[in-house]
Amino acid sequence: MKQLIVATALVLAAGAAHAADVMQEAPVAASFDWSGAYIGVNAGGGFGKFKDSISFGPRLDMTASGFLGGIQAGYNWQSGQMIYGVETDFQGSAVDASVSDFFGFTPKTKVDWFGTLRARIGYTPIDRFMIYGTGGLAYGQVKTEFPFFGPFMSSSSKTRAGWTVGAGAEYAINTNWTIKSEYLYTDLGNSTAFSSGPITLKSDVAFHTVRVGLNYKF
């Protein structure tokens, strides 16, 4: 009986050792590595409230909306489940706002283009999927038009600097391609659009953007 027990124990031990060897030899799927440079395209929309104020009248809160699209490029460093990176983007924009029949005038403010330079901090709760927060510098060209008395038009086009902050999620389709969805709040500040005699027009431009993007990782 003792000999049977010893033999059985030896067989079980040998089987366990063989199973351990098989498990060690079996290939393990490599997790996705976010480290490296990337470049991509994006498209989406912008919306918000542009606030124009004129020296002799009330402040104008104008509802803004429009399409935007552009390119982005960046670099990521991964440490465990944390990802640290920098990204820059440049957007063509049709985001604008206007008010009709303001004392017979139709003022209009439009963001012609804008860009950002941001830091990104991400976390991967599961393989190939990252959520992140982002923020940094924003800049853009804002065009303001304000017609006075019919055919006389005062206009201004200025490049402004401000800030942006937001969040997003990104998924790795395969080794090289990722797709993302991103929200940003961008503030290009309050600036004097133009001033002539007693008339001064200031515009405060801040807006939200929601966009999707496709990146190629090198």
N, C-alpha and C. Protein backbone atom coordinates (compact mmCIF):
# COMPACT_ATOMS: atom_id res chain seq x y z
N MET A 1 0.83 -1.21 0.00
CA MET A 1 0.00 0.00 0.00
C MET A 1 0.86 1.25 0.00
N LYS A 2 1.91 1.22 0.85
CA LYS A 2 2.82 2.37 0.92
C LYS A 2 3.51 2.59 -0.43
N GLN A 3 3.88 1.47 -1.06
CA GLN A 3 4.55 1.58 -2.36
C GLN A 3 3.62 2.22 -3.40
N LEU A 4 2.30 1.88 -3.33
CA LEU A 4 1.32 2.45 -4.27
C LEU A 4 1.18 3.95 -4.05
N ILE A 5 1.13 4.35 -2.77
CA ILE A 5 1.02 5.77 -2.45
C ILE A 5 2.23 6.55 -2.93
N VAL A 6 3.43 5.99 -2.71
CA VAL A 6 4.65 6.65 -3.15
C VAL A 6 4.68 6.76 -4.67
N ALA A 7 4.27 5.71 -5.36
CA ALA A 7 4.27 5.72 -6.82
C ALA A 7 3.29 6.75 -7.35
N THR A 8 2.11 6.80 -6.73
CA THR A 8 1.11 7.77 -7.16
C THR A 8 1.62 9.19 -6.96
N ALA A 9 2.25 9.46 -5.82
CA ALA A 9 2.80 10.79 -5.53
C ALA A 9 3.86 11.17 -6.54
N LEU A 10 4.71 10.21 -6.92
CA LEU A 10 5.75 10.50 -7.90
C LEU A 10 5.15 10.84 -9.26
N VAL A 11 4.09 10.12 -9.66
CA VAL A 11 3.43 10.39 -10.94
C VAL A 11 2.80 11.77 -10.95
N LEU A 12 2.10 12.13 -9.84
CA LEU A 12 1.48 13.44 -9.73
C LEU A 12 2.53 14.55 -9.76
N ALA A 13 3.64 14.34 -9.09
CA ALA A 13 4.70 15.34 -9.07
C ALA A 13 5.29 15.52 -10.46
N ALA A 14 5.49 14.41 -11.16
CA ALA A 14 6.04 14.50 -12.51
C ALA A 14 5.06 15.21 -13.44
N GLY A 15 3.75 14.90 -13.27
CA GLY A 15 2.74 15.57 -14.10
C GLY A 15 2.69 17.05 -13.84
N ALA A 16 2.78 17.46 -12.58
CA ALA A 16 2.76 18.88 -12.24
C ALA A 16 3.98 19.59 -12.81
N ALA A 17 5.14 18.94 -12.73
CA ALA A 17 6.36 19.55 -13.27
C ALA A 17 6.25 19.72 -14.78
N HIS A 18 5.67 18.68 -15.44
CA HIS A 18 5.52 18.77 -16.90
C HIS A 18 4.55 19.89 -17.27
N ALA A 19 3.46 20.03 -16.51
CA ALA A 19 2.49 21.10 -16.78
C ALA A 19 3.12 22.47 -16.60
N ALA A 20 3.96 22.61 -15.58
CA ALA A 20 4.65 23.88 -15.35
C ALA A 20 5.58 24.21 -16.50
N ASP A 21 6.28 23.18 -17.02
CA ASP A 21 7.17 23.41 -18.16
C ASP A 21 6.38 23.85 -19.39
N VAL A 22 5.23 23.23 -19.62
CA VAL A 22 4.40 23.59 -20.77
C VAL A 22 3.93 25.03 -20.66
N MET A 23 3.51 25.43 -19.44
CA MET A 23 3.04 26.79 -19.24
C MET A 23 4.15 27.80 -19.47
N GLN A 24 5.36 27.45 -19.06
CA GLN A 24 6.49 28.36 -19.25
C GLN A 24 6.84 28.49 -20.73
N GLU A 25 6.68 27.40 -21.49
CA GLU A 25 7.03 27.42 -22.89
C GLU A 25 5.96 28.06 -23.76
N ALA A 26 4.69 28.11 -23.28
CA ALA A 26 3.59 28.65 -24.08
C ALA A 26 3.80 30.14 -24.32
N PRO A 27 3.59 30.61 -25.54
CA PRO A 27 3.77 32.03 -25.84
C PRO A 27 2.75 32.89 -25.11
N VAL A 28 3.21 34.04 -24.60
CA VAL A 28 2.35 34.98 -23.90
C VAL A 28 2.15 36.20 -24.80
N ALA A 29 0.90 36.57 -25.00
CA ALA A 29 0.61 37.72 -25.85
C ALA A 29 1.21 39.00 -25.26
N ALA A 30 1.98 39.69 -26.06
CA ALA A 30 2.64 40.91 -25.59
C ALA A 30 1.62 42.03 -25.47
N SER A 31 1.74 42.82 -24.40
CA SER A 31 0.84 43.97 -24.23
C SER A 31 1.27 45.09 -25.16
N PHE A 32 0.32 45.96 -25.49
CA PHE A 32 0.59 47.05 -26.42
C PHE A 32 1.49 48.09 -25.75
N ASP A 33 2.49 48.56 -26.48
CA ASP A 33 3.41 49.57 -25.96
C ASP A 33 3.07 50.92 -26.59
N TRP A 34 2.66 51.89 -25.75
CA TRP A 34 2.27 53.21 -26.23
C TRP A 34 3.47 54.11 -26.51
N SER A 35 4.66 53.71 -26.11
CA SER A 35 5.84 54.56 -26.27
C SER A 35 6.15 54.80 -27.75
N GLY A 36 6.54 56.05 -28.06
CA GLY A 36 6.95 56.36 -29.42
C GLY A 36 6.24 57.56 -30.00
N ALA A 37 6.65 57.92 -31.22
CA ALA A 37 6.09 59.08 -31.91
C ALA A 37 4.86 58.67 -32.72
N TYR A 38 3.99 59.64 -32.97
CA TYR A 38 2.81 59.38 -33.78
C TYR A 38 2.39 60.65 -34.51
N ILE A 39 1.60 60.47 -35.56
CA ILE A 39 1.04 61.59 -36.32
C ILE A 39 -0.35 61.17 -36.78
N GLY A 40 -1.26 62.14 -36.94
CA GLY A 40 -2.60 61.76 -37.32
C GLY A 40 -3.46 62.93 -37.77
N VAL A 41 -4.73 62.61 -38.01
CA VAL A 41 -5.71 63.60 -38.45
C VAL A 41 -6.91 63.55 -37.52
N ASN A 42 -7.70 64.64 -37.53
CA ASN A 42 -8.88 64.68 -36.68
C ASN A 42 -9.96 65.56 -37.31
N ALA A 43 -11.19 65.40 -36.85
CA ALA A 43 -12.30 66.22 -37.31
C ALA A 43 -13.36 66.25 -36.22
N GLY A 44 -14.12 67.34 -36.18
CA GLY A 44 -15.15 67.44 -35.17
C GLY A 44 -15.89 68.76 -35.26
N GLY A 45 -16.36 69.24 -34.13
CA GLY A 45 -17.12 70.48 -34.09
C GLY A 45 -16.82 71.29 -32.86
N GLY A 46 -17.08 72.59 -32.95
CA GLY A 46 -16.89 73.50 -31.83
C GLY A 46 -18.18 74.23 -31.51
N PHE A 47 -18.33 74.61 -30.24
CA PHE A 47 -19.52 75.34 -29.82
C PHE A 47 -19.23 76.11 -28.54
N GLY A 48 -20.03 77.14 -28.27
CA GLY A 48 -19.83 77.92 -27.06
C GLY A 48 -20.51 79.27 -27.14
N LYS A 49 -20.04 80.21 -26.31
CA LYS A 49 -20.55 81.58 -26.28
C LYS A 49 -19.40 82.55 -26.50
N PHE A 50 -19.48 83.35 -27.55
CA PHE A 50 -18.54 84.44 -27.76
C PHE A 50 -19.18 85.71 -27.16
N LYS A 51 -18.40 86.48 -26.43
CA LYS A 51 -18.93 87.65 -25.75
C LYS A 51 -18.26 88.92 -26.28
N ASP A 52 -19.00 89.70 -27.03
CA ASP A 52 -18.51 90.97 -27.55
C ASP A 52 -19.10 92.12 -26.73
N SER A 53 -18.29 93.11 -26.44
CA SER A 53 -18.79 94.28 -25.70
C SER A 53 -18.31 95.55 -26.40
N ILE A 54 -19.21 96.49 -26.56
CA ILE A 54 -18.91 97.76 -27.22
C ILE A 54 -19.11 98.89 -26.23
N SER A 55 -18.31 99.93 -26.37
CA SER A 55 -18.26 100.98 -25.36
C SER A 55 -19.59 101.69 -25.14
N PHE A 56 -20.44 101.78 -26.15
CA PHE A 56 -21.69 102.52 -25.98
C PHE A 56 -22.91 101.60 -25.89
N GLY A 57 -22.71 100.28 -25.74
CA GLY A 57 -23.86 99.38 -25.72
C GLY A 57 -23.66 98.23 -24.77
N PRO A 58 -24.65 97.34 -24.72
CA PRO A 58 -24.57 96.18 -23.82
C PRO A 58 -23.63 95.11 -24.36
N ARG A 59 -23.30 94.17 -23.49
CA ARG A 59 -22.49 93.03 -23.92
C ARG A 59 -23.34 92.10 -24.77
N LEU A 60 -22.73 91.56 -25.83
CA LEU A 60 -23.43 90.64 -26.72
C LEU A 60 -22.95 89.22 -26.45
N ASP A 61 -23.86 88.37 -26.01
CA ASP A 61 -23.55 86.95 -25.84
C ASP A 61 -24.03 86.22 -27.09
N MET A 62 -23.07 85.78 -27.91
CA MET A 62 -23.40 85.20 -29.20
C MET A 62 -23.11 83.71 -29.19
N THR A 63 -24.08 82.91 -29.61
CA THR A 63 -23.92 81.46 -29.67
C THR A 63 -23.05 81.08 -30.87
N ALA A 64 -21.98 80.36 -30.59
CA ALA A 64 -21.02 79.98 -31.63
C ALA A 64 -21.10 78.49 -31.91
N SER A 65 -20.85 78.13 -33.17
CA SER A 65 -20.78 76.72 -33.55
C SER A 65 -20.10 76.62 -34.91
N GLY A 66 -19.66 75.43 -35.26
CA GLY A 66 -19.04 75.24 -36.55
C GLY A 66 -18.15 74.01 -36.61
N PHE A 67 -17.78 73.65 -37.82
CA PHE A 67 -16.94 72.48 -38.08
C PHE A 67 -15.47 72.83 -37.90
N LEU A 68 -14.67 71.84 -37.54
CA LEU A 68 -13.22 72.02 -37.48
C LEU A 68 -12.54 70.71 -37.85
N GLY A 69 -11.32 70.82 -38.32
CA GLY A 69 -10.55 69.63 -38.67
C GLY A 69 -9.08 69.99 -38.80
N GLY A 70 -8.21 69.00 -38.59
CA GLY A 70 -6.79 69.31 -38.66
C GLY A 70 -5.90 68.10 -38.47
N ILE A 71 -4.69 68.37 -38.05
CA ILE A 71 -3.67 67.34 -37.87
C ILE A 71 -3.09 67.43 -36.47
N GLN A 72 -2.50 66.34 -36.00
CA GLN A 72 -1.82 66.33 -34.71
C GLN A 72 -0.58 65.44 -34.79
N ALA A 73 0.35 65.70 -33.89
CA ALA A 73 1.56 64.88 -33.78
C ALA A 73 2.01 64.91 -32.33
N GLY A 74 2.66 63.84 -31.89
CA GLY A 74 3.09 63.80 -30.50
C GLY A 74 4.05 62.67 -30.21
N TYR A 75 4.37 62.53 -28.93
CA TYR A 75 5.27 61.48 -28.48
C TYR A 75 4.82 61.01 -27.10
N ASN A 76 4.84 59.69 -26.88
CA ASN A 76 4.45 59.10 -25.60
C ASN A 76 5.61 58.35 -24.96
N TRP A 77 5.61 58.36 -23.63
CA TRP A 77 6.51 57.52 -22.83
C TRP A 77 5.63 56.70 -21.90
N GLN A 78 5.84 55.38 -21.87
CA GLN A 78 5.03 54.52 -21.00
C GLN A 78 5.87 53.99 -19.85
N SER A 79 5.26 54.02 -18.64
CA SER A 79 5.87 53.45 -17.45
C SER A 79 4.80 52.66 -16.72
N GLY A 80 4.84 51.34 -16.87
CA GLY A 80 3.78 50.51 -16.30
C GLY A 80 2.47 50.81 -17.01
N GLN A 81 1.45 51.13 -16.21
CA GLN A 81 0.15 51.48 -16.79
C GLN A 81 -0.01 52.98 -17.02
N MET A 82 1.01 53.75 -16.72
CA MET A 82 0.96 55.20 -16.90
C MET A 82 1.63 55.60 -18.21
N ILE A 83 1.03 56.57 -18.89
CA ILE A 83 1.59 57.11 -20.13
C ILE A 83 1.73 58.62 -19.99
N TYR A 84 2.91 59.13 -20.35
CA TYR A 84 3.19 60.56 -20.30
C TYR A 84 3.56 61.00 -21.72
N GLY A 85 3.03 62.14 -22.13
CA GLY A 85 3.30 62.54 -23.50
C GLY A 85 3.12 64.02 -23.74
N VAL A 86 3.50 64.44 -24.95
CA VAL A 86 3.28 65.80 -25.42
C VAL A 86 2.61 65.70 -26.79
N GLU A 87 1.73 66.66 -27.08
CA GLU A 87 1.04 66.66 -28.36
C GLU A 87 0.83 68.09 -28.84
N THR A 88 0.96 68.29 -30.13
CA THR A 88 0.64 69.57 -30.75
C THR A 88 -0.35 69.31 -31.88
N ASP A 89 -1.23 70.27 -32.12
CA ASP A 89 -2.18 70.13 -33.22
C ASP A 89 -2.45 71.48 -33.85
N PHE A 90 -2.95 71.44 -35.08
CA PHE A 90 -3.32 72.65 -35.81
C PHE A 90 -4.65 72.42 -36.48
N GLN A 91 -5.61 73.34 -36.29
CA GLN A 91 -6.97 73.15 -36.76
C GLN A 91 -7.43 74.27 -37.69
N GLY A 92 -8.01 73.90 -38.81
CA GLY A 92 -8.80 74.84 -39.59
C GLY A 92 -10.18 74.91 -38.96
N SER A 93 -10.77 76.10 -38.91
CA SER A 93 -12.00 76.26 -38.14
C SER A 93 -13.04 77.08 -38.88
N ALA A 94 -14.29 76.66 -38.73
CA ALA A 94 -15.43 77.45 -39.20
C ALA A 94 -16.33 77.82 -38.03
N VAL A 95 -15.76 77.84 -36.83
CA VAL A 95 -16.54 78.18 -35.63
C VAL A 95 -16.76 79.69 -35.59
N ASP A 96 -18.03 80.12 -35.67
CA ASP A 96 -18.32 81.54 -35.67
C ASP A 96 -19.64 81.83 -34.96
N ALA A 97 -19.88 83.12 -34.70
CA ALA A 97 -21.09 83.56 -34.02
C ALA A 97 -21.46 84.95 -34.51
N SER A 98 -22.75 85.23 -34.59
CA SER A 98 -23.20 86.55 -35.01
C SER A 98 -24.54 86.86 -34.37
N VAL A 99 -24.87 88.13 -34.34
CA VAL A 99 -26.16 88.60 -33.83
C VAL A 99 -26.77 89.51 -34.89
N SER A 100 -28.01 89.23 -35.28
CA SER A 100 -28.69 90.04 -36.29
C SER A 100 -29.49 91.17 -35.64
N ASP A 101 -29.56 92.27 -36.35
CA ASP A 101 -30.41 93.39 -35.96
C ASP A 101 -30.06 93.96 -34.59
N PHE A 102 -28.76 94.12 -34.33
CA PHE A 102 -28.33 94.82 -33.13
C PHE A 102 -28.24 96.31 -33.47
N PHE A 103 -29.33 97.05 -33.19
CA PHE A 103 -29.45 98.46 -33.55
C PHE A 103 -29.18 98.65 -35.05
N GLY A 104 -29.62 97.69 -35.85
CA GLY A 104 -29.41 97.78 -37.29
C GLY A 104 -28.08 97.22 -37.75
N PHE A 105 -27.25 96.71 -36.84
CA PHE A 105 -25.94 96.16 -37.18
C PHE A 105 -25.98 94.63 -37.07
N THR A 106 -24.99 93.97 -37.68
CA THR A 106 -24.86 92.52 -37.54
C THR A 106 -23.40 92.19 -37.20
N PRO A 107 -23.02 92.26 -35.94
CA PRO A 107 -21.64 91.92 -35.55
C PRO A 107 -21.39 90.42 -35.69
N LYS A 108 -20.14 90.07 -35.98
CA LYS A 108 -19.77 88.68 -36.19
C LYS A 108 -18.35 88.43 -35.69
N THR A 109 -18.15 87.31 -35.02
CA THR A 109 -16.82 86.90 -34.56
C THR A 109 -16.57 85.47 -35.02
N LYS A 110 -15.39 85.21 -35.57
CA LYS A 110 -15.08 83.90 -36.14
C LYS A 110 -13.65 83.49 -35.78
N VAL A 111 -13.48 82.21 -35.44
CA VAL A 111 -12.15 81.62 -35.24
C VAL A 111 -11.73 81.02 -36.58
N ASP A 112 -10.75 81.65 -37.24
CA ASP A 112 -10.30 81.17 -38.55
C ASP A 112 -9.46 79.90 -38.45
N TRP A 113 -8.59 79.86 -37.45
CA TRP A 113 -7.76 78.69 -37.19
C TRP A 113 -7.25 78.76 -35.76
N PHE A 114 -6.85 77.62 -35.22
CA PHE A 114 -6.23 77.61 -33.88
C PHE A 114 -5.37 76.36 -33.74
N GLY A 115 -4.51 76.40 -32.76
CA GLY A 115 -3.64 75.27 -32.48
C GLY A 115 -3.38 75.16 -31.00
N THR A 116 -2.82 74.03 -30.57
CA THR A 116 -2.49 73.83 -29.17
C THR A 116 -1.15 73.12 -29.04
N LEU A 117 -0.53 73.29 -27.88
CA LEU A 117 0.66 72.54 -27.48
C LEU A 117 0.40 72.07 -26.06
N ARG A 118 0.22 70.75 -25.88
CA ARG A 118 -0.29 70.23 -24.62
C ARG A 118 0.54 69.08 -24.06
N ALA A 119 0.49 68.94 -22.74
CA ALA A 119 0.98 67.74 -22.06
C ALA A 119 -0.19 66.76 -21.95
N ARG A 120 0.14 65.47 -21.97
CA ARG A 120 -0.89 64.44 -21.78
C ARG A 120 -0.43 63.48 -20.69
N ILE A 121 -1.35 63.09 -19.81
CA ILE A 121 -1.09 62.06 -18.80
C ILE A 121 -2.20 61.04 -18.91
N GLY A 122 -1.82 59.80 -19.20
CA GLY A 122 -2.81 58.77 -19.44
C GLY A 122 -2.65 57.56 -18.52
N TYR A 123 -3.68 56.72 -18.53
CA TYR A 123 -3.69 55.49 -17.73
C TYR A 123 -4.37 54.40 -18.56
N THR A 124 -3.83 53.18 -18.53
CA THR A 124 -4.38 52.07 -19.28
C THR A 124 -5.03 51.07 -18.33
N PRO A 125 -6.35 51.15 -18.12
CA PRO A 125 -7.01 50.19 -17.24
C PRO A 125 -7.00 48.79 -17.80
N ILE A 126 -7.03 48.69 -19.14
CA ILE A 126 -6.89 47.40 -19.81
C ILE A 126 -5.95 47.59 -21.00
N ASP A 127 -5.43 46.48 -21.49
CA ASP A 127 -4.49 46.55 -22.60
C ASP A 127 -5.14 47.18 -23.83
N ARG A 128 -4.40 48.04 -24.52
CA ARG A 128 -4.79 48.72 -25.75
C ARG A 128 -5.78 49.86 -25.56
N PHE A 129 -6.18 50.15 -24.35
CA PHE A 129 -7.15 51.22 -24.11
C PHE A 129 -6.58 52.20 -23.10
N MET A 130 -6.57 53.49 -23.48
CA MET A 130 -6.02 54.53 -22.61
C MET A 130 -7.03 55.65 -22.41
N ILE A 131 -7.13 56.12 -21.17
CA ILE A 131 -7.86 57.35 -20.87
C ILE A 131 -6.83 58.38 -20.42
N TYR A 132 -7.07 59.65 -20.73
CA TYR A 132 -6.05 60.65 -20.43
C TYR A 132 -6.65 62.03 -20.18
N GLY A 133 -5.88 62.83 -19.47
CA GLY A 133 -6.16 64.24 -19.31
C GLY A 133 -5.10 65.04 -20.03
N THR A 134 -5.43 66.25 -20.47
CA THR A 134 -4.49 67.03 -21.27
C THR A 134 -4.71 68.51 -21.04
N GLY A 135 -3.65 69.30 -21.21
CA GLY A 135 -3.77 70.75 -21.05
C GLY A 135 -2.50 71.46 -21.45
N GLY A 136 -2.64 72.74 -21.79
CA GLY A 136 -1.46 73.52 -22.15
C GLY A 136 -1.80 74.81 -22.87
N LEU A 137 -0.94 75.19 -23.78
CA LEU A 137 -1.03 76.46 -24.52
C LEU A 137 -2.00 76.33 -25.69
N ALA A 138 -2.76 77.42 -25.94
CA ALA A 138 -3.60 77.51 -27.13
C ALA A 138 -3.34 78.84 -27.82
N TYR A 139 -3.50 78.87 -29.12
CA TYR A 139 -3.32 80.09 -29.89
C TYR A 139 -4.23 80.02 -31.10
N GLY A 140 -4.58 81.16 -31.66
CA GLY A 140 -5.47 81.13 -32.81
C GLY A 140 -5.72 82.51 -33.38
N GLN A 141 -6.28 82.54 -34.57
CA GLN A 141 -6.63 83.79 -35.23
C GLN A 141 -8.13 84.03 -35.13
N VAL A 142 -8.49 85.19 -34.57
CA VAL A 142 -9.89 85.55 -34.38
C VAL A 142 -10.21 86.76 -35.24
N LYS A 143 -11.26 86.65 -36.03
CA LYS A 143 -11.69 87.74 -36.90
C LYS A 143 -13.01 88.31 -36.36
N THR A 144 -13.05 89.63 -36.20
CA THR A 144 -14.24 90.30 -35.71
C THR A 144 -14.70 91.35 -36.71
N GLU A 145 -15.99 91.34 -37.01
CA GLU A 145 -16.57 92.32 -37.93
C GLU A 145 -17.72 93.05 -37.23
N PHE A 146 -17.75 94.36 -37.41
CA PHE A 146 -18.84 95.14 -36.82
C PHE A 146 -19.19 96.27 -37.78
N PRO A 147 -20.32 96.15 -38.49
CA PRO A 147 -20.70 97.18 -39.45
C PRO A 147 -21.34 98.38 -38.76
N PHE A 148 -20.93 99.57 -39.16
CA PHE A 148 -21.51 100.80 -38.64
C PHE A 148 -22.25 101.51 -39.76
N PHE A 149 -23.53 101.77 -39.54
CA PHE A 149 -24.31 102.60 -40.45
C PHE A 149 -24.24 102.11 -41.90
N GLY A 150 -24.76 100.93 -42.10
CA GLY A 150 -24.90 100.41 -43.46
C GLY A 150 -23.60 99.93 -44.07
N PRO A 151 -23.05 100.68 -45.05
CA PRO A 151 -21.91 100.15 -45.82
C PRO A 151 -20.57 100.25 -45.10
N PHE A 152 -20.50 100.97 -43.99
CA PHE A 152 -19.21 101.15 -43.32
C PHE A 152 -18.94 99.96 -42.41
N MET A 153 -17.82 99.29 -42.64
CA MET A 153 -17.48 98.07 -41.93
C MET A 153 -16.17 98.23 -41.18
N SER A 154 -16.20 97.92 -39.90
CA SER A 154 -14.98 97.86 -39.11
C SER A 154 -14.67 96.39 -38.86
N SER A 155 -13.45 95.99 -39.13
CA SER A 155 -13.09 94.58 -38.95
C SER A 155 -11.68 94.49 -38.38
N SER A 156 -11.43 93.37 -37.74
CA SER A 156 -10.12 93.13 -37.13
C SER A 156 -9.82 91.64 -37.18
N SER A 157 -8.58 91.30 -37.46
CA SER A 157 -8.14 89.91 -37.44
C SER A 157 -6.85 89.84 -36.64
N LYS A 158 -6.89 89.17 -35.51
CA LYS A 158 -5.74 89.13 -34.61
C LYS A 158 -5.42 87.70 -34.19
N THR A 159 -4.11 87.45 -34.02
CA THR A 159 -3.66 86.17 -33.47
C THR A 159 -3.56 86.31 -31.96
N ARG A 160 -4.21 85.42 -31.25
CA ARG A 160 -4.25 85.49 -29.79
C ARG A 160 -3.62 84.25 -29.17
N ALA A 161 -3.26 84.39 -27.91
CA ALA A 161 -2.74 83.25 -27.15
C ALA A 161 -3.62 83.04 -25.92
N GLY A 162 -3.78 81.78 -25.53
CA GLY A 162 -4.60 81.46 -24.36
C GLY A 162 -4.23 80.10 -23.81
N TRP A 163 -5.22 79.37 -23.37
CA TRP A 163 -4.96 78.07 -22.75
C TRP A 163 -6.07 77.09 -23.12
N THR A 164 -5.79 75.80 -22.89
CA THR A 164 -6.77 74.76 -23.17
C THR A 164 -6.61 73.61 -22.19
N VAL A 165 -7.71 72.91 -21.92
CA VAL A 165 -7.69 71.76 -21.01
C VAL A 165 -8.78 70.79 -21.46
N GLY A 166 -8.55 69.50 -21.24
CA GLY A 166 -9.56 68.54 -21.66
C GLY A 166 -9.21 67.12 -21.28
N ALA A 167 -9.89 66.17 -21.93
CA ALA A 167 -9.70 64.75 -21.64
C ALA A 167 -10.09 63.95 -22.87
N GLY A 168 -9.65 62.69 -22.88
CA GLY A 168 -9.98 61.85 -24.01
C GLY A 168 -9.75 60.38 -23.73
N ALA A 169 -10.04 59.57 -24.73
CA ALA A 169 -9.82 58.13 -24.67
C ALA A 169 -9.26 57.68 -26.02
N GLU A 170 -8.35 56.70 -25.97
CA GLU A 170 -7.70 56.24 -27.19
C GLU A 170 -7.59 54.72 -27.17
N TYR A 171 -7.80 54.10 -28.32
CA TYR A 171 -7.76 52.65 -28.43
C TYR A 171 -6.81 52.23 -29.56
N ALA A 172 -5.97 51.26 -29.27
CA ALA A 172 -5.02 50.75 -30.26
C ALA A 172 -5.70 49.66 -31.09
N ILE A 173 -5.92 49.95 -32.38
CA ILE A 173 -6.54 48.98 -33.28
C ILE A 173 -5.58 47.83 -33.56
N ASN A 174 -4.32 48.19 -33.81
CA ASN A 174 -3.26 47.19 -34.01
C ASN A 174 -1.93 47.82 -33.59
N THR A 175 -0.83 47.27 -34.05
CA THR A 175 0.49 47.75 -33.61
C THR A 175 0.73 49.20 -33.97
N ASN A 176 0.22 49.66 -35.09
CA ASN A 176 0.54 51.00 -35.58
C ASN A 176 -0.61 52.00 -35.54
N TRP A 177 -1.85 51.54 -35.59
CA TRP A 177 -2.97 52.47 -35.71
C TRP A 177 -3.78 52.57 -34.43
N THR A 178 -4.10 53.81 -34.03
CA THR A 178 -4.96 54.05 -32.88
C THR A 178 -6.06 55.03 -33.28
N ILE A 179 -7.19 54.93 -32.58
CA ILE A 179 -8.30 55.84 -32.80
C ILE A 179 -8.65 56.50 -31.47
N LYS A 180 -9.02 57.78 -31.50
CA LYS A 180 -9.27 58.49 -30.25
C LYS A 180 -10.50 59.38 -30.35
N SER A 181 -11.05 59.71 -29.19
CA SER A 181 -12.12 60.68 -29.06
C SER A 181 -11.68 61.66 -27.97
N GLU A 182 -11.89 62.97 -28.22
CA GLU A 182 -11.29 63.97 -27.33
C GLU A 182 -12.20 65.19 -27.16
N TYR A 183 -12.22 65.71 -25.93
CA TYR A 183 -12.92 66.95 -25.61
C TYR A 183 -11.90 67.98 -25.13
N LEU A 184 -12.02 69.23 -25.62
CA LEU A 184 -11.16 70.32 -25.16
C LEU A 184 -11.99 71.57 -24.89
N TYR A 185 -11.63 72.29 -23.84
CA TYR A 185 -12.14 73.64 -23.63
C TYR A 185 -10.99 74.59 -23.91
N THR A 186 -11.21 75.53 -24.82
CA THR A 186 -10.16 76.44 -25.27
C THR A 186 -10.58 77.88 -25.02
N ASP A 187 -9.69 78.63 -24.39
CA ASP A 187 -9.95 80.04 -24.08
C ASP A 187 -8.86 80.89 -24.74
N LEU A 188 -9.27 81.70 -25.73
CA LEU A 188 -8.33 82.59 -26.42
C LEU A 188 -8.36 84.01 -25.86
N GLY A 189 -9.02 84.20 -24.74
CA GLY A 189 -8.93 85.45 -23.99
C GLY A 189 -9.85 86.56 -24.46
N ASN A 190 -9.79 87.66 -23.70
CA ASN A 190 -10.57 88.86 -23.98
C ASN A 190 -9.62 89.92 -24.53
N SER A 191 -9.87 90.38 -25.75
CA SER A 191 -8.95 91.29 -26.41
C SER A 191 -9.71 92.40 -27.12
N THR A 192 -9.08 93.57 -27.25
CA THR A 192 -9.66 94.67 -28.02
C THR A 192 -9.57 94.37 -29.50
N ALA A 193 -10.72 94.21 -30.13
CA ALA A 193 -10.75 93.92 -31.57
C ALA A 193 -10.36 95.15 -32.37
N PHE A 194 -10.95 96.29 -32.03
CA PHE A 194 -10.54 97.56 -32.63
C PHE A 194 -11.06 98.71 -31.77
N SER A 195 -10.44 99.86 -31.96
CA SER A 195 -10.82 101.07 -31.22
C SER A 195 -10.68 102.27 -32.14
N SER A 196 -11.74 103.10 -32.19
CA SER A 196 -11.73 104.29 -33.02
C SER A 196 -12.51 105.39 -32.30
N GLY A 197 -11.77 106.42 -31.84
CA GLY A 197 -12.42 107.50 -31.10
C GLY A 197 -13.08 106.98 -29.84
N PRO A 198 -14.37 107.29 -29.65
CA PRO A 198 -15.04 106.82 -28.44
C PRO A 198 -15.52 105.38 -28.53
N ILE A 199 -15.35 104.75 -29.66
CA ILE A 199 -15.87 103.40 -29.86
C ILE A 199 -14.75 102.36 -29.69
N THR A 200 -14.96 101.45 -28.78
CA THR A 200 -14.03 100.34 -28.55
C THR A 200 -14.82 99.04 -28.50
N LEU A 201 -14.38 98.08 -29.28
CA LEU A 201 -15.03 96.77 -29.29
C LEU A 201 -14.06 95.72 -28.76
N LYS A 202 -14.50 94.99 -27.75
CA LYS A 202 -13.70 93.91 -27.19
C LYS A 202 -14.45 92.60 -27.40
N SER A 203 -13.69 91.55 -27.64
CA SER A 203 -14.31 90.23 -27.82
C SER A 203 -13.63 89.21 -26.92
N ASP A 204 -14.46 88.40 -26.27
CA ASP A 204 -14.01 87.33 -25.38
C ASP A 204 -14.36 86.01 -26.06
N VAL A 205 -13.33 85.25 -26.44
CA VAL A 205 -13.55 84.04 -27.24
C VAL A 205 -13.12 82.80 -26.45
N ALA A 206 -14.09 81.97 -26.12
CA ALA A 206 -13.84 80.68 -25.46
C ALA A 206 -14.86 79.69 -26.01
N PHE A 207 -14.44 78.45 -26.20
CA PHE A 207 -15.34 77.49 -26.83
C PHE A 207 -14.94 76.06 -26.48
N HIS A 208 -15.89 75.16 -26.69
CA HIS A 208 -15.69 73.73 -26.49
C HIS A 208 -15.48 73.06 -27.84
N THR A 209 -14.68 72.02 -27.87
CA THR A 209 -14.54 71.21 -29.08
C THR A 209 -14.66 69.74 -28.73
N VAL A 210 -15.31 69.00 -29.60
CA VAL A 210 -15.40 67.54 -29.51
C VAL A 210 -14.95 67.00 -30.86
N ARG A 211 -14.01 66.07 -30.85
CA ARG A 211 -13.47 65.59 -32.12
C ARG A 211 -13.03 64.13 -31.99
N VAL A 212 -12.92 63.48 -33.14
CA VAL A 212 -12.37 62.13 -33.21
C VAL A 212 -11.12 62.19 -34.08
N GLY A 213 -10.19 61.29 -33.81
CA GLY A 213 -8.93 61.31 -34.53
C GLY A 213 -8.40 59.93 -34.82
N LEU A 214 -7.53 59.85 -35.81
CA LEU A 214 -6.86 58.61 -36.19
C LEU A 214 -5.36 58.88 -36.20
N ASN A 215 -4.59 58.06 -35.47
CA ASN A 215 -3.15 58.24 -35.36
C ASN A 215 -2.39 57.05 -35.94
N TYR A 216 -1.23 57.36 -36.52
CA TYR A 216 -0.30 56.31 -36.93
C TYR A 216 0.92 56.39 -36.02
N LYS A 217 1.20 55.29 -35.31
CA LYS A 217 2.32 55.22 -34.38
C LYS A 217 3.54 54.59 -35.06
N PHE A 218 4.66 55.28 -34.97
CA PHE A 218 5.88 54.80 -35.62
C PHE A 218 6.58 53.75 -34.76
